[in-house]
C-alpha cells in the first residue's frame, strides 16, 4: 500500500505545482509570471546550473596557471620590456574571448572543450594579473620613489572606475540588443585597440641598455616551479648603511610579504562574505548590497585621488629628498583602519553603523600603493619587474586561499550562532600585520 501511494502522492504534488498550473500565476505580477514561465522550461534550469559550473571550472583553470606563469613573465619583462608583456597577455585574453564567440556559434561541433583551451592559454600567458603587474612595473620605471605611491594610487583609482563602469556598459549593451554575446565582440574589439596601442604608440619604459644589463646580471626563474619567482625575497634589501647586525632590516622583504599576504587573504573573499552576512543580519536585498558596494568603491576612489596626493604634498613641504617614512606611515595607517573597520563590522547593530564601518575599512586602501612602493624601493631599479612578479604570486595564492578560509570560517560560525567571528578573525589578522609593519625600519 505504501509503495503504491508514493507515486500517487508524487504525481499529485507535481500536478499541483505552481510551476505547472496557469491559474497559480498572478497576471498582475509580470516579473513573477515571467520568472515562472522561464522555470517551466527544463533547458533554462539546466543552462543556469551548467553556466555556473562552467564559469567555476574556467576560473579554477586560469587562476592557478596565472600563478604558475606570472613570476616567469614578470621577470621576462625586465629583459624584453613591459610592452612585451602587454602584448603577450592581451593576446591570451583575446584568444579566451574569441573562443567563447566561436563556441557560441559552433556549439554542436566544438562543445565546451574550446572554452577550456582558451582558459588554459589565458592562464599560461598571465592574463589580467600579468597586465596589472606590467602596469605597476611601467609606472615604477617612469616615476621617482617619492611620486610612486601617488602614481600607483591613481592607477588603482582608474581601475576602480573601470570595474564600476564595465558592468554598467555590459548591461546597457545586453538591454539594448538583447544579446549577451555582443559584449564579447565589444571586449575583443577593445582589447584589439589596446594591443595596437601598446604595440605601436606606447613608448617602452626600459631602454635597450638597461635590458641588456638585466640579461647579463639576472637569471630567469624556472617556469617549472611555481614559487621560483619568490627567490628575489632572499636577496639583501637595499638600505643605506650596514644592515648585517639588524635582523629586521635584513628580513624586511619577508616582513612586507607576510603583510601583503594577510592583506590579500582578507580582501579577496571579503565582498562575498559581506553580502552573505548583511543578507542574514539585516535582511538586505541585492539593492541594499549594491548601495553598500557602491559606497565602498566610492570611498576607495576618493582615498586614492585625495588622500594620497595630500600626503605627498605634505611630504614635499617638509622633506627635500625621498624618505620611506611617508609610505610606512600610510601602510601603518591603512592597516590600523583595517583593524578598526573589521571590529566595527563585528559590533554593528544596525545598517547605519555598518555603513560607517564600510567607510573606515575602505579608507585603508591607501596601504596598497604604499606597500608596493616600499617593495620597489628595497630592490634595485632594474629588479622592479621581478619584485612585482613575486608580489603577483603572493597575491594569486592569497586570492585562491581567501574564499576557502573565509567561507569555511563563516560557515562554522553561522552554525554556532556567532556570525561576527569572521570579522573578529580578520581584525586579529590585521593586528598581526600592523605589528609587523612597525618592525619595518
Foldseek 3Di string as FASTA:
>chain_A
DVVVVVVVVVVVCVCPDLLNDPVSDDPVPVVVVVVSPQVNDVVSVVVVVVVVVLVVVLVVQQLVLLLLQLLLLLLVCLQVFLLVLLLQLLVLVLQLLVLVLVCVVPCVPPPCVSNNVSSNSNNNSNHPLNNLLSVLLLLLLVDDLLCSLLVVLVVVLVVLVCVVVVVVVLVVVCVVPVDSSVSSVVVSVVSVVVSCCSVPPDDTSDDNVSSVVSVVPDDGFDSVDSQSLVCVQQDAWDDPDDCPPPPLNRNVSVLLLLLLLLVLLCPLCPLVLVVVCCCVQVVDDPVVSVVLVVLLSVLLSCLSNPVVVVLSVVCVVPPVDDDLVSLLVLQLQLLVLLLVLLVQCLPDNDVVSPSVSSNSNSSSSSNVSSSLSVQCNGDDSSCSSSSSSSSSSSNSVSNVCNCVVLVVVQVVCVVVVRNSVSSNVSSVSSVVSSVSSVSND
